[in-house]
Structure formats: C-alpha cells, structure tokens
Amino acid sequence: MRKNQQRDEFGLTSRQKEVLNNLIDMYIQKSEPVGSKTLAEERIKELSPASIRNYLEEMEEMGFLYKPHASSGRIPTEKGMKYYVNELMNKIRDREDEFVFLKERLWKVHSNYRELLKFTSHLLATLSRQASLVLLPKLEKTSITAIDFIRVAYKRVLVVVVFE
C-alpha cells in the first residue's frame, strides 16, 4: 500500500477515491464487473490499465471491491457502496446553499408560469450542459403543487411537475 499520502476517513487516497468512484459509477450504469482496461479507456485516461489494476488490488485488500472470478473485473462490496453513498451525501451537503437558492427562486416564480418555464428550462440546460425544452399544456386556473428532479440514468434527469 502507498505510504505518505493524505487519506480520508475511509483510509483512501485521492487517487483511490477517483478510481473507486469511477468504477462504482460504471458498475451502476452497466450492472457488470468493471475492469482496469475499461476504466482506463472510458474514464481515467491519464492512468494506464496496470496502474489502475494496482489501485483496484489495494482497494480489494481494504474490502471495498471484490472479483467474482479470477479473470473478471471488480464489483463494489457493501463497504464500497457505503463509501459511495457517503460521498454522494457529502456532495449534497456541500451544495446545500445552491439548493436553498433554487428553492427560494422557484418559490418566487411558482405562480408565474412563463417565468417558471423559463427558469426550469435554464436550470435544466445548465445542470445537464445540454439543450432543454420545457412545454406546458393548456391549463385553466390551476397551480403547481410540487416539482421534483429525479436522476433516472447517468446524465439523465426526469422532471416531474404536479399540478393542482
């Protein structure tokens, strides 16, 4: 195991965290073991498959990953998934101010459909870095009761708007 490197509360270095996060992202996306060559080709281009394999072996020894069989890629263990969920929760906490701003902004425009659609479209385009289109059916004297953003896949968001 590498020494003299800054480690987090799980005992992982920043590079190990990068490799583990990418592996788990790919595992969630593909639902199959992920190998070092795939990680190097698709996610972490600055590292060779051999370097990634070394990191994977270290994290396997630490209990974050396992290999279903000798020649396969790796799958996160329960410990690995707990780490991943903890990381996601930390990211959410780190962005709490942004969520407060969005709630306040949505509250300000919630009764003005044109402003709400404009804001929602802009928000979706900004978050997804893609073009967005928001359409509203003809509504007669109705109001919005809830808005929810749901991640349905990697880089895909479903926006649900509930009307009265």
N, C-alpha and C. Protein backbone atom coordinates (compact mmCIF):
# COMPACT_ATOMS: atom_id res chain seq x y z
N MET A 1 0.84 -1.17 0.00
CA MET A 1 0.00 0.00 0.00
C MET A 1 0.89 1.25 0.00
N ARG A 2 0.48 2.29 -0.72
CA ARG A 2 1.26 3.52 -0.80
C ARG A 2 1.25 4.24 0.54
N LYS A 3 2.41 4.79 0.91
CA LYS A 3 2.54 5.48 2.19
C LYS A 3 2.73 6.98 1.94
N ASN A 4 2.63 7.74 3.00
CA ASN A 4 2.87 9.19 2.97
C ASN A 4 1.93 9.94 2.04
N GLN A 5 0.71 9.47 1.90
CA GLN A 5 -0.28 10.18 1.11
C GLN A 5 -1.46 10.51 2.02
N GLN A 6 -2.05 11.66 1.78
CA GLN A 6 -3.22 12.09 2.55
C GLN A 6 -4.35 11.10 2.34
N ARG A 7 -4.95 10.62 3.44
CA ARG A 7 -6.03 9.65 3.36
C ARG A 7 -7.28 10.21 4.04
N ASP A 8 -8.45 9.81 3.54
CA ASP A 8 -9.71 10.26 4.13
C ASP A 8 -10.11 9.35 5.28
N GLU A 9 -11.32 9.55 5.80
CA GLU A 9 -11.78 8.76 6.96
C GLU A 9 -11.93 7.27 6.64
N PHE A 10 -11.99 6.92 5.35
CA PHE A 10 -12.08 5.52 4.96
C PHE A 10 -10.69 4.91 4.70
N GLY A 11 -9.65 5.74 4.80
CA GLY A 11 -8.30 5.27 4.55
C GLY A 11 -7.90 5.30 3.08
N LEU A 12 -8.65 6.05 2.27
CA LEU A 12 -8.39 6.11 0.83
C LEU A 12 -7.65 7.38 0.44
N THR A 13 -6.73 7.25 -0.52
CA THR A 13 -6.06 8.43 -1.07
C THR A 13 -6.98 9.06 -2.11
N SER A 14 -6.64 10.27 -2.55
CA SER A 14 -7.48 10.95 -3.54
C SER A 14 -7.52 10.16 -4.85
N ARG A 15 -6.42 9.54 -5.24
CA ARG A 15 -6.41 8.75 -6.48
C ARG A 15 -7.25 7.49 -6.33
N GLN A 16 -7.17 6.83 -5.19
CA GLN A 16 -8.01 5.66 -4.95
C GLN A 16 -9.48 6.04 -4.99
N LYS A 17 -9.82 7.19 -4.39
CA LYS A 17 -11.21 7.66 -4.41
C LYS A 17 -11.67 7.89 -5.85
N GLU A 18 -10.81 8.49 -6.66
CA GLU A 18 -11.17 8.73 -8.06
C GLU A 18 -11.43 7.42 -8.79
N VAL A 19 -10.55 6.45 -8.60
CA VAL A 19 -10.71 5.15 -9.25
C VAL A 19 -11.97 4.45 -8.75
N LEU A 20 -12.17 4.45 -7.43
CA LEU A 20 -13.33 3.78 -6.85
C LEU A 20 -14.63 4.43 -7.29
N ASN A 21 -14.70 5.76 -7.26
CA ASN A 21 -15.92 6.45 -7.69
C ASN A 21 -16.25 6.13 -9.15
N ASN A 22 -15.25 6.16 -10.00
CA ASN A 22 -15.48 5.85 -11.42
C ASN A 22 -15.90 4.41 -11.62
N LEU A 23 -15.28 3.49 -10.89
CA LEU A 23 -15.65 2.08 -11.00
C LEU A 23 -17.10 1.88 -10.57
N ILE A 24 -17.50 2.48 -9.45
CA ILE A 24 -18.86 2.29 -8.97
C ILE A 24 -19.86 2.96 -9.92
N ASP A 25 -19.53 4.14 -10.43
CA ASP A 25 -20.40 4.79 -11.43
C ASP A 25 -20.64 3.85 -12.61
N MET A 26 -19.56 3.26 -13.12
CA MET A 26 -19.68 2.36 -14.27
C MET A 26 -20.44 1.09 -13.90
N TYR A 27 -20.19 0.58 -12.70
CA TYR A 27 -20.89 -0.62 -12.25
C TYR A 27 -22.40 -0.35 -12.17
N ILE A 28 -22.77 0.79 -11.62
CA ILE A 28 -24.19 1.15 -11.52
C ILE A 28 -24.79 1.30 -12.92
N GLN A 29 -24.04 1.90 -13.81
CA GLN A 29 -24.52 2.14 -15.17
C GLN A 29 -24.67 0.84 -15.97
N LYS A 30 -23.71 -0.08 -15.84
CA LYS A 30 -23.69 -1.27 -16.68
C LYS A 30 -24.13 -2.55 -15.98
N SER A 31 -24.17 -2.56 -14.66
CA SER A 31 -24.54 -3.74 -13.87
C SER A 31 -23.69 -4.96 -14.19
N GLU A 32 -22.40 -4.72 -14.35
CA GLU A 32 -21.47 -5.83 -14.57
C GLU A 32 -20.10 -5.44 -14.03
N PRO A 33 -19.25 -6.44 -13.74
CA PRO A 33 -17.92 -6.13 -13.20
C PRO A 33 -17.16 -5.19 -14.14
N VAL A 34 -16.35 -4.31 -13.54
CA VAL A 34 -15.60 -3.31 -14.30
C VAL A 34 -14.12 -3.60 -14.17
N GLY A 35 -13.43 -3.64 -15.30
CA GLY A 35 -12.01 -3.93 -15.33
C GLY A 35 -11.15 -2.69 -15.48
N SER A 36 -9.87 -2.85 -15.23
CA SER A 36 -8.93 -1.74 -15.29
C SER A 36 -8.80 -1.17 -16.71
N LYS A 37 -8.85 -2.04 -17.71
CA LYS A 37 -8.73 -1.57 -19.09
C LYS A 37 -9.93 -0.69 -19.46
N THR A 38 -11.12 -1.09 -19.07
CA THR A 38 -12.32 -0.31 -19.34
C THR A 38 -12.25 1.05 -18.64
N LEU A 39 -11.83 1.06 -17.39
CA LEU A 39 -11.68 2.32 -16.66
C LEU A 39 -10.68 3.24 -17.35
N ALA A 40 -9.56 2.69 -17.78
CA ALA A 40 -8.52 3.49 -18.44
C ALA A 40 -9.01 4.04 -19.78
N GLU A 41 -9.76 3.26 -20.52
CA GLU A 41 -10.23 3.70 -21.83
C GLU A 41 -11.39 4.67 -21.76
N GLU A 42 -12.29 4.47 -20.79
CA GLU A 42 -13.52 5.25 -20.76
C GLU A 42 -13.56 6.38 -19.74
N ARG A 43 -12.80 6.27 -18.66
CA ARG A 43 -12.96 7.25 -17.57
C ARG A 43 -11.66 7.92 -17.13
N ILE A 44 -10.62 7.15 -16.92
CA ILE A 44 -9.39 7.70 -16.32
C ILE A 44 -8.26 7.55 -17.32
N LYS A 45 -8.30 8.36 -18.34
CA LYS A 45 -7.38 8.22 -19.47
C LYS A 45 -5.92 8.53 -19.11
N GLU A 46 -5.68 9.27 -18.01
CA GLU A 46 -4.31 9.63 -17.66
C GLU A 46 -3.56 8.50 -16.95
N LEU A 47 -4.27 7.42 -16.58
CA LEU A 47 -3.62 6.27 -15.93
C LEU A 47 -3.65 5.06 -16.87
N SER A 48 -2.61 4.25 -16.78
CA SER A 48 -2.57 3.01 -17.57
C SER A 48 -3.43 1.95 -16.88
N PRO A 49 -3.88 0.95 -17.64
CA PRO A 49 -4.63 -0.16 -17.02
C PRO A 49 -3.84 -0.82 -15.89
N ALA A 50 -2.51 -0.92 -16.04
CA ALA A 50 -1.69 -1.55 -14.99
C ALA A 50 -1.72 -0.72 -13.70
N SER A 51 -1.63 0.60 -13.83
CA SER A 51 -1.70 1.45 -12.64
C SER A 51 -3.06 1.34 -11.97
N ILE A 52 -4.11 1.36 -12.77
CA ILE A 52 -5.46 1.23 -12.23
C ILE A 52 -5.62 -0.12 -11.55
N ARG A 53 -5.08 -1.17 -12.16
CA ARG A 53 -5.15 -2.51 -11.58
C ARG A 53 -4.50 -2.54 -10.20
N ASN A 54 -3.38 -1.83 -10.04
CA ASN A 54 -2.71 -1.76 -8.74
C ASN A 54 -3.62 -1.10 -7.70
N TYR A 55 -4.27 0.00 -8.08
CA TYR A 55 -5.20 0.66 -7.16
C TYR A 55 -6.37 -0.27 -6.82
N LEU A 56 -6.88 -0.98 -7.80
CA LEU A 56 -8.00 -1.89 -7.57
C LEU A 56 -7.60 -3.01 -6.61
N GLU A 57 -6.39 -3.53 -6.78
CA GLU A 57 -5.91 -4.58 -5.87
C GLU A 57 -5.80 -4.06 -4.44
N GLU A 58 -5.30 -2.82 -4.29
CA GLU A 58 -5.20 -2.24 -2.94
C GLU A 58 -6.59 -2.11 -2.31
N MET A 59 -7.55 -1.63 -3.10
CA MET A 59 -8.89 -1.43 -2.55
C MET A 59 -9.61 -2.75 -2.32
N GLU A 60 -9.24 -3.78 -3.08
CA GLU A 60 -9.78 -5.11 -2.83
C GLU A 60 -9.27 -5.62 -1.47
N GLU A 61 -7.98 -5.40 -1.21
CA GLU A 61 -7.40 -5.80 0.08
C GLU A 61 -8.04 -5.04 1.24
N MET A 62 -8.48 -3.80 0.98
CA MET A 62 -9.11 -2.96 2.01
C MET A 62 -10.60 -3.30 2.19
N GLY A 63 -11.14 -4.14 1.30
CA GLY A 63 -12.52 -4.57 1.44
C GLY A 63 -13.55 -3.75 0.68
N PHE A 64 -13.12 -2.85 -0.21
CA PHE A 64 -14.05 -2.03 -0.98
C PHE A 64 -14.55 -2.72 -2.25
N LEU A 65 -13.77 -3.66 -2.76
CA LEU A 65 -14.08 -4.33 -4.03
C LEU A 65 -13.84 -5.83 -3.91
N TYR A 66 -14.43 -6.57 -4.85
CA TYR A 66 -14.08 -7.99 -4.96
C TYR A 66 -14.22 -8.42 -6.42
N LYS A 67 -13.56 -9.54 -6.73
CA LYS A 67 -13.62 -10.11 -8.08
C LYS A 67 -14.48 -11.36 -8.02
N PRO A 68 -15.55 -11.41 -8.82
CA PRO A 68 -16.40 -12.61 -8.83
C PRO A 68 -15.64 -13.87 -9.27
N HIS A 69 -14.68 -13.70 -10.18
CA HIS A 69 -13.79 -14.81 -10.55
C HIS A 69 -12.47 -14.24 -11.02
N ALA A 70 -11.46 -15.09 -11.14
CA ALA A 70 -10.08 -14.65 -11.35
C ALA A 70 -9.87 -13.71 -12.53
N SER A 71 -10.57 -13.93 -13.64
CA SER A 71 -10.30 -13.12 -14.83
C SER A 71 -11.33 -12.02 -15.06
N SER A 72 -12.15 -11.73 -14.06
CA SER A 72 -13.19 -10.72 -14.25
C SER A 72 -12.74 -9.35 -13.75
N GLY A 73 -13.58 -8.38 -14.01
CA GLY A 73 -13.39 -7.06 -13.42
C GLY A 73 -13.83 -7.11 -11.97
N ARG A 74 -13.97 -5.95 -11.38
CA ARG A 74 -14.33 -5.90 -9.97
C ARG A 74 -15.71 -5.31 -9.75
N ILE A 75 -16.27 -5.67 -8.58
CA ILE A 75 -17.60 -5.24 -8.16
C ILE A 75 -17.45 -4.62 -6.78
N PRO A 76 -18.18 -3.54 -6.50
CA PRO A 76 -18.10 -2.97 -5.15
C PRO A 76 -18.73 -3.90 -4.11
N THR A 77 -18.12 -3.94 -2.94
CA THR A 77 -18.68 -4.69 -1.81
C THR A 77 -19.67 -3.76 -1.08
N GLU A 78 -20.25 -4.29 -0.01
CA GLU A 78 -21.14 -3.46 0.80
C GLU A 78 -20.37 -2.26 1.36
N LYS A 79 -19.13 -2.49 1.78
CA LYS A 79 -18.29 -1.39 2.29
C LYS A 79 -18.04 -0.36 1.19
N GLY A 80 -17.80 -0.83 -0.03
CA GLY A 80 -17.59 0.07 -1.16
C GLY A 80 -18.82 0.91 -1.46
N MET A 81 -19.99 0.29 -1.39
CA MET A 81 -21.23 1.02 -1.65
C MET A 81 -21.54 2.00 -0.52
N LYS A 82 -21.23 1.63 0.71
CA LYS A 82 -21.42 2.57 1.83
C LYS A 82 -20.54 3.79 1.64
N TYR A 83 -19.29 3.56 1.23
CA TYR A 83 -18.39 4.68 0.94
C TYR A 83 -19.00 5.58 -0.13
N TYR A 84 -19.50 4.98 -1.20
CA TYR A 84 -20.05 5.73 -2.34
C TYR A 84 -21.26 6.57 -1.91
N VAL A 85 -22.16 5.99 -1.14
CA VAL A 85 -23.33 6.72 -0.66
C VAL A 85 -22.88 7.86 0.25
N ASN A 86 -21.89 7.62 1.10
CA ASN A 86 -21.36 8.66 1.96
C ASN A 86 -20.80 9.82 1.13
N GLU A 87 -20.09 9.51 0.06
CA GLU A 87 -19.55 10.54 -0.82
C GLU A 87 -20.68 11.35 -1.46
N LEU A 88 -21.73 10.67 -1.91
CA LEU A 88 -22.87 11.37 -2.50
C LEU A 88 -23.53 12.30 -1.48
N MET A 89 -23.70 11.83 -0.27
CA MET A 89 -24.31 12.65 0.77
C MET A 89 -23.43 13.86 1.10
N ASN A 90 -22.12 13.69 1.08
CA ASN A 90 -21.21 14.82 1.30
C ASN A 90 -21.35 15.85 0.19
N LYS A 91 -21.50 15.39 -1.03
CA LYS A 91 -21.68 16.31 -2.16
C LYS A 91 -22.97 17.09 -2.01
N ILE A 92 -24.02 16.42 -1.56
CA ILE A 92 -25.31 17.10 -1.34
C ILE A 92 -25.15 18.15 -0.25
N ARG A 93 -24.51 17.79 0.87
CA ARG A 93 -24.30 18.76 1.96
C ARG A 93 -23.46 19.94 1.49
N ASP A 94 -22.46 19.66 0.65
CA ASP A 94 -21.60 20.73 0.14
C ASP A 94 -22.37 21.70 -0.75
N ARG A 95 -23.48 21.24 -1.32
CA ARG A 95 -24.25 22.08 -2.24
C ARG A 95 -25.54 22.60 -1.61
N GLU A 96 -25.63 22.54 -0.30
CA GLU A 96 -26.85 22.96 0.40
C GLU A 96 -27.25 24.40 0.07
N ASP A 97 -26.26 25.30 -0.01
CA ASP A 97 -26.56 26.69 -0.35
C ASP A 97 -27.22 26.81 -1.71
N GLU A 98 -26.76 25.99 -2.67
CA GLU A 98 -27.37 26.00 -4.00
C GLU A 98 -28.82 25.54 -3.95
N PHE A 99 -29.09 24.52 -3.15
CA PHE A 99 -30.46 24.02 -3.03
C PHE A 99 -31.37 25.08 -2.40
N VAL A 100 -30.86 25.78 -1.40
CA VAL A 100 -31.64 26.84 -0.77
C VAL A 100 -31.95 27.93 -1.79
N PHE A 101 -30.95 28.32 -2.58
CA PHE A 101 -31.16 29.33 -3.62
C PHE A 101 -32.23 28.87 -4.62
N LEU A 102 -32.13 27.60 -5.06
CA LEU A 102 -33.10 27.08 -6.03
C LEU A 102 -34.50 27.07 -5.46
N LYS A 103 -34.64 26.64 -4.21
CA LYS A 103 -35.96 26.63 -3.58
C LYS A 103 -36.54 28.04 -3.51
N GLU A 104 -35.70 29.00 -3.09
CA GLU A 104 -36.16 30.38 -3.00
C GLU A 104 -36.56 30.92 -4.36
N ARG A 105 -35.75 30.64 -5.36
CA ARG A 105 -36.02 31.12 -6.73
C ARG A 105 -37.29 30.48 -7.27
N LEU A 106 -37.45 29.19 -7.05
CA LEU A 106 -38.67 28.51 -7.51
C LEU A 106 -39.90 29.06 -6.79
N TRP A 107 -39.76 29.36 -5.52
CA TRP A 107 -40.89 29.90 -4.77
C TRP A 107 -41.30 31.26 -5.32
N LYS A 108 -40.31 32.07 -5.73
CA LYS A 108 -40.60 33.40 -6.27
C LYS A 108 -41.35 33.33 -7.60
N VAL A 109 -41.04 32.33 -8.42
CA VAL A 109 -41.64 32.27 -9.77
C VAL A 109 -42.76 31.25 -9.88
N HIS A 110 -43.10 30.54 -8.80
CA HIS A 110 -44.03 29.41 -8.91
C HIS A 110 -45.41 29.80 -9.41
N SER A 111 -45.84 31.04 -9.19
CA SER A 111 -47.19 31.42 -9.63
C SER A 111 -47.19 32.06 -11.02
N ASN A 112 -46.02 32.32 -11.59
CA ASN A 112 -45.91 32.90 -12.92
C ASN A 112 -45.39 31.81 -13.87
N TYR A 113 -46.30 31.21 -14.65
CA TYR A 113 -45.93 30.07 -15.49
C TYR A 113 -44.81 30.38 -16.46
N ARG A 114 -44.87 31.53 -17.07
CA ARG A 114 -43.83 31.88 -18.05
C ARG A 114 -42.45 31.95 -17.38
N GLU A 115 -42.38 32.61 -16.25
CA GLU A 115 -41.12 32.70 -15.52
C GLU A 115 -40.67 31.32 -15.02
N LEU A 116 -41.62 30.51 -14.57
CA LEU A 116 -41.29 29.17 -14.08
C LEU A 116 -40.72 28.31 -15.20
N LEU A 117 -41.35 28.35 -16.37
CA LEU A 117 -40.86 27.57 -17.51
C LEU A 117 -39.48 28.07 -17.95
N LYS A 118 -39.31 29.37 -18.00
CA LYS A 118 -38.03 29.95 -18.39
C LYS A 118 -36.94 29.52 -17.41
N PHE A 119 -37.23 29.63 -16.12
CA PHE A 119 -36.26 29.25 -15.09
C PHE A 119 -35.96 27.76 -15.15
N THR A 120 -36.99 26.94 -15.27
CA THR A 120 -36.81 25.48 -15.32
C THR A 120 -35.98 25.07 -16.53
N SER A 121 -36.27 25.65 -17.68
CA SER A 121 -35.52 25.34 -18.89
C SER A 121 -34.06 25.73 -18.73
N HIS A 122 -33.82 26.93 -18.21
CA HIS A 122 -32.45 27.39 -18.00
C HIS A 122 -31.72 26.49 -17.00
N LEU A 123 -32.39 26.13 -15.92
CA LEU A 123 -31.79 25.28 -14.90
C LEU A 123 -31.43 23.91 -15.47
N LEU A 124 -32.34 23.31 -16.23
CA LEU A 124 -32.06 22.00 -16.83
C LEU A 124 -30.89 22.08 -17.80
N ALA A 125 -30.86 23.12 -18.62
CA ALA A 125 -29.76 23.28 -19.58
C ALA A 125 -28.42 23.46 -18.86
N THR A 126 -28.43 24.24 -17.78
CA THR A 126 -27.20 24.48 -17.02
C THR A 126 -26.71 23.20 -16.34
N LEU A 127 -27.62 22.50 -15.65
CA LEU A 127 -27.23 21.29 -14.93
C LEU A 127 -26.79 20.17 -15.85
N SER A 128 -27.47 20.02 -16.98
CA SER A 128 -27.18 18.90 -17.88
C SER A 128 -26.15 19.25 -18.95
N ARG A 129 -25.86 20.55 -19.11
CA ARG A 129 -24.99 21.02 -20.18
C ARG A 129 -25.49 20.54 -21.54
N GLN A 130 -26.80 20.50 -21.65
CA GLN A 130 -27.48 20.09 -22.88
C GLN A 130 -28.57 21.12 -23.18
N ALA A 131 -29.09 21.08 -24.40
CA ALA A 131 -30.23 21.92 -24.72
C ALA A 131 -31.44 21.39 -23.96
N SER A 132 -32.32 22.27 -23.55
CA SER A 132 -33.52 21.81 -22.85
C SER A 132 -34.74 22.49 -23.44
N LEU A 133 -35.83 21.79 -23.37
CA LEU A 133 -37.10 22.28 -23.87
C LEU A 133 -38.15 21.95 -22.83
N VAL A 134 -38.89 22.95 -22.42
CA VAL A 134 -39.93 22.75 -21.43
C VAL A 134 -41.24 23.20 -22.06
N LEU A 135 -42.21 22.32 -22.04
CA LEU A 135 -43.52 22.63 -22.61
C LEU A 135 -44.58 22.54 -21.53
N LEU A 136 -45.60 23.33 -21.68
CA LEU A 136 -46.68 23.33 -20.72
C LEU A 136 -48.00 23.15 -21.45
N PRO A 137 -48.81 22.20 -21.05
CA PRO A 137 -50.12 22.05 -21.69
C PRO A 137 -51.01 23.22 -21.32
N LYS A 138 -52.09 23.40 -22.07
CA LYS A 138 -53.02 24.47 -21.74
C LYS A 138 -53.66 24.17 -20.39
N LEU A 139 -53.57 25.13 -19.54
CA LEU A 139 -54.11 24.95 -18.21
C LEU A 139 -55.05 26.12 -17.90
N GLU A 140 -56.13 25.80 -17.29
CA GLU A 140 -57.10 26.82 -16.90
C GLU A 140 -57.11 26.94 -15.38
N LYS A 141 -56.69 28.06 -14.88
CA LYS A 141 -56.75 28.36 -13.45
C LYS A 141 -56.29 27.19 -12.56
N THR A 142 -55.07 26.79 -12.75
CA THR A 142 -54.51 25.72 -11.93
C THR A 142 -53.16 26.17 -11.40
N SER A 143 -52.68 25.52 -10.38
CA SER A 143 -51.38 25.89 -9.83
C SER A 143 -50.53 24.63 -9.60
N ILE A 144 -49.26 24.87 -9.51
CA ILE A 144 -48.30 23.78 -9.29
C ILE A 144 -48.27 23.44 -7.81
N THR A 145 -48.32 22.16 -7.52
CA THR A 145 -48.26 21.74 -6.12
C THR A 145 -46.90 21.13 -5.76
N ALA A 146 -46.17 20.62 -6.76
CA ALA A 146 -44.86 20.03 -6.47
C ALA A 146 -44.01 19.96 -7.72
N ILE A 147 -42.70 20.07 -7.53
CA ILE A 147 -41.72 19.88 -8.60
C ILE A 147 -40.65 18.95 -8.04
N ASP A 148 -40.27 17.95 -8.84
CA ASP A 148 -39.24 17.02 -8.38
C ASP A 148 -38.28 16.72 -9.52
N PHE A 149 -36.99 16.67 -9.22
CA PHE A 149 -35.95 16.31 -10.18
C PHE A 149 -35.47 14.92 -9.80
N ILE A 150 -35.57 13.97 -10.72
CA ILE A 150 -35.22 12.59 -10.45
C ILE A 150 -34.15 12.14 -11.44
N ARG A 151 -33.02 11.68 -10.91
CA ARG A 151 -31.97 11.14 -11.78
C ARG A 151 -32.40 9.74 -12.20
N VAL A 152 -32.62 9.54 -13.49
CA VAL A 152 -33.09 8.24 -13.98
C VAL A 152 -31.97 7.41 -14.58
N ALA A 153 -30.88 8.05 -14.96
CA ALA A 153 -29.73 7.35 -15.51
C ALA A 153 -28.56 8.31 -15.49
N TYR A 154 -27.41 7.81 -15.86
CA TYR A 154 -26.22 8.64 -15.92
C TYR A 154 -26.47 9.79 -16.90
N LYS A 155 -26.37 11.02 -16.42
CA LYS A 155 -26.58 12.23 -17.20
C LYS A 155 -28.00 12.38 -17.73
N ARG A 156 -29.00 11.78 -17.05
CA ARG A 156 -30.40 11.93 -17.46
C ARG A 156 -31.25 12.26 -16.24
N VAL A 157 -32.08 13.29 -16.40
CA VAL A 157 -32.93 13.75 -15.31
C VAL A 157 -34.37 13.80 -15.79
N LEU A 158 -35.26 13.31 -14.96
CA LEU A 158 -36.69 13.40 -15.22
C LEU A 158 -37.23 14.48 -14.30
N VAL A 159 -37.94 15.44 -14.87
CA VAL A 159 -38.55 16.49 -14.08
C VAL A 159 -40.05 16.22 -14.03
N VAL A 160 -40.55 16.12 -12.81
CA VAL A 160 -41.96 15.85 -12.62
C VAL A 160 -42.60 17.10 -12.02
N VAL A 161 -43.62 17.61 -12.69
CA VAL A 161 -44.35 18.77 -12.20
C VAL A 161 -45.78 18.30 -11.92
N VAL A 162 -46.24 18.53 -10.70
CA VAL A 162 -47.58 18.11 -10.30
C VAL A 162 -48.46 19.36 -10.22
N PHE A 163 -49.56 19.32 -10.96
CA PHE A 163 -50.49 20.44 -10.94
C PHE A 163 -51.64 20.13 -10.01
N GLU A 164 -52.29 21.17 -9.54
CA GLU A 164 -53.43 21.03 -8.65
C GLU A 164 -54.54 20.23 -9.31
